[in-house]
Amino acid sequence: MRLEFLGLELDTVAMEARLPQEKLEILKEIITEWHSKRKSTLCEFQELIGYLLFVAQVIPCSCTFICRIIDFSMTFTSPRSAHTIPAYACSDINWWLMFSHQWNGVCLITPQRQTLHIFTDTSGADNKGIGGIFNEQWFAS
């Protein structure tokens, strides 16, 4: 079954989440334009960040390549002032450029992994010891 939800295509039979082709083309256009920019205003950067966060919903591990762009956006003191884009933000934009031109827009939906609850504690001073609980089992020393 395929459905569009919040601008993304979800296919529950193939277990895939897709960025629609027109949105993938928009991503390529935006990133190609940003690749040649040397200066930007805060408002322009916020628009870029917003779109990258949207597409990151279906691109595994892509949030890593948004963090430094967000870090740079936090250096602005005025929304209208223009700043030179630093090398670290340019390198993240370069990653997006290379990735967007090679990616087919499809992300596999992986089943949720089992959650493990592990608790540990240590004590110091004269009486040193450790202890922990994993599921129903515990240990101490």
Protein backbone atom coordinates (compact mmCIF):
# COMPACT_ATOMS: atom_id res chain seq x y z
CA MET A 1 0.00 0.00 0.00
CA ARG A 2 1.34 3.41 -0.99
CA LEU A 3 0.32 6.71 0.53
CA GLU A 4 1.62 10.24 0.67
CA PHE A 5 2.08 11.56 4.18
CA LEU A 6 3.46 15.00 4.98
CA GLY A 7 5.09 15.25 1.55
CA LEU A 8 6.77 11.83 1.68
CA GLU A 9 5.69 8.62 -0.03
CA LEU A 10 5.34 5.59 2.22
CA ASP A 11 5.10 2.07 0.78
CA THR A 12 4.18 -0.46 3.47
CA VAL A 13 4.46 -3.47 1.13
CA ALA A 14 8.02 -2.74 -0.03
CA MET A 15 8.83 -1.17 3.40
CA GLU A 16 10.19 1.98 1.74
CA ALA A 17 9.93 5.68 2.37
CA ARG A 18 10.51 7.84 -0.69
CA LEU A 19 11.18 11.44 -1.45
CA PRO A 20 8.89 12.19 -4.41
CA GLN A 21 10.80 12.83 -7.65
CA GLU A 22 9.81 16.51 -7.83
CA LYS A 23 11.10 17.11 -4.29
CA LEU A 24 14.33 15.28 -5.13
CA GLU A 25 14.76 17.60 -8.12
CA ILE A 26 14.14 20.62 -5.87
CA LEU A 27 16.83 19.32 -3.49
CA LYS A 28 19.30 19.03 -6.38
CA GLU A 29 18.51 22.56 -7.58
CA ILE A 30 18.82 24.08 -4.11
CA ILE A 31 22.11 22.36 -3.34
CA THR A 32 23.58 23.18 -6.76
CA GLU A 33 22.72 26.84 -6.17
CA TRP A 34 24.25 26.76 -2.66
CA HIS A 35 27.39 25.09 -3.95
CA SER A 36 28.34 28.27 -5.80
CA LYS A 37 27.36 30.73 -3.03
CA ARG A 38 30.07 32.42 -1.02
CA LYS A 39 27.89 34.67 1.21
CA SER A 40 24.48 34.23 2.75
CA THR A 41 22.00 35.86 5.08
CA LEU A 42 20.49 34.12 8.09
CA CYS A 43 17.07 33.92 6.40
CA GLU A 44 18.59 32.16 3.38
CA PHE A 45 20.41 29.72 5.64
CA GLN A 46 17.25 29.00 7.61
CA GLU A 47 15.39 28.15 4.37
CA LEU A 48 18.19 25.74 3.42
CA ILE A 49 18.21 24.13 6.86
CA GLY A 50 14.44 23.73 6.81
CA TYR A 51 14.47 21.87 3.49
CA LEU A 52 17.43 19.70 4.49
CA LEU A 53 15.67 18.73 7.73
CA PHE A 54 12.59 17.80 5.70
CA VAL A 55 14.48 15.50 3.31
CA ALA A 56 16.59 14.10 6.17
CA GLN A 57 13.49 12.21 7.30
CA VAL A 58 14.15 9.68 4.52
CA ILE A 59 17.93 9.96 4.16
CA PRO A 60 19.75 7.77 6.69
CA CYS A 61 22.49 9.48 8.72
CA SER A 62 22.06 12.77 6.86
CA CYS A 63 21.49 14.84 10.01
CA THR A 64 25.23 14.61 10.54
CA PHE A 65 25.65 16.86 7.51
CA ILE A 66 23.22 19.50 8.76
CA CYS A 67 24.73 20.10 12.21
CA ARG A 68 27.60 22.34 11.10
CA ILE A 69 25.27 24.31 8.83
CA ILE A 70 23.05 24.92 11.85
CA ASP A 71 26.11 25.81 13.94
CA PHE A 72 27.07 28.46 11.39
CA SER A 73 23.53 29.86 11.30
CA MET A 74 23.77 30.50 15.04
CA THR A 75 26.69 32.93 14.50
CA PHE A 76 24.44 35.54 12.85
CA THR A 77 23.51 38.58 14.93
CA SER A 78 21.03 40.00 12.39
CA PRO A 79 18.72 38.11 10.01
CA ARG A 80 19.58 40.44 7.11
CA SER A 81 23.35 40.67 7.45
CA ALA A 82 25.40 38.59 5.03
CA HIS A 83 28.26 36.38 6.21
CA THR A 84 30.89 34.49 4.27
CA ILE A 85 30.12 30.78 4.38
CA PRO A 86 32.97 29.02 6.25
CA ALA A 87 34.79 25.98 4.90
CA TYR A 88 33.15 23.58 7.36
CA ALA A 89 29.64 24.57 6.20
CA CYS A 90 30.79 24.39 2.56
CA SER A 91 32.04 20.84 3.08
CA ASP A 92 28.60 19.78 4.35
CA ILE A 93 26.95 21.47 1.36
CA ASN A 94 29.40 19.57 -0.88
CA TRP A 95 28.31 16.29 0.74
CA TRP A 96 24.69 17.14 0.01
CA LEU A 97 25.60 17.99 -3.59
CA MET A 98 27.37 14.68 -4.21
CA PHE A 99 24.73 12.67 -2.37
CA SER A 100 21.68 14.28 -3.98
CA HIS A 101 22.95 13.58 -7.49
CA GLN A 102 23.57 9.89 -6.73
CA TRP A 103 20.59 9.06 -4.50
CA ASN A 104 17.44 7.55 -5.99
CA GLY A 105 15.09 9.00 -3.35
CA VAL A 106 14.29 5.65 -1.70
CA CYS A 107 14.99 4.70 1.92
CA LEU A 108 14.29 1.26 3.35
CA ILE A 109 12.15 1.25 6.46
CA THR A 110 13.90 -0.91 9.01
CA PRO A 111 11.94 -2.65 11.73
CA GLN A 112 12.28 -1.16 15.18
CA ARG A 113 15.12 -2.67 17.15
CA GLN A 114 14.60 -4.23 20.54
CA THR A 115 15.25 -1.87 23.44
CA LEU A 116 17.65 -3.09 26.08
CA HIS A 117 17.55 -1.66 29.59
CA ILE A 118 20.90 -1.82 31.35
CA PHE A 119 21.61 -0.04 34.62
CA THR A 120 24.99 0.17 36.33
CA ASP A 121 26.50 1.93 39.31
CA THR A 122 29.86 2.16 41.05
CA SER A 123 31.01 3.38 44.41
CA GLY A 124 34.28 4.95 45.38
CA ALA A 125 36.13 5.90 48.55
CA ASP A 126 37.26 3.04 50.81
CA ASN A 127 34.59 0.48 49.88
CA LYS A 128 34.84 0.10 46.15
CA GLY A 129 32.19 -1.87 44.34
CA ILE A 130 30.12 -2.19 41.20
CA GLY A 131 26.66 -3.41 40.42
CA GLY A 132 24.25 -3.65 37.55
CA ILE A 133 20.94 -4.93 36.27
CA PHE A 134 20.20 -6.35 32.81
CA ASN A 135 16.57 -7.38 32.31
CA GLU A 136 15.85 -9.66 35.28
CA GLN A 137 19.49 -10.46 36.12
CA TRP A 138 21.77 -8.48 38.38
CA PHE A 139 25.42 -8.57 39.37
CA ALA A 140 27.56 -7.04 42.08
CA SER A 141 31.16 -7.12 43.09
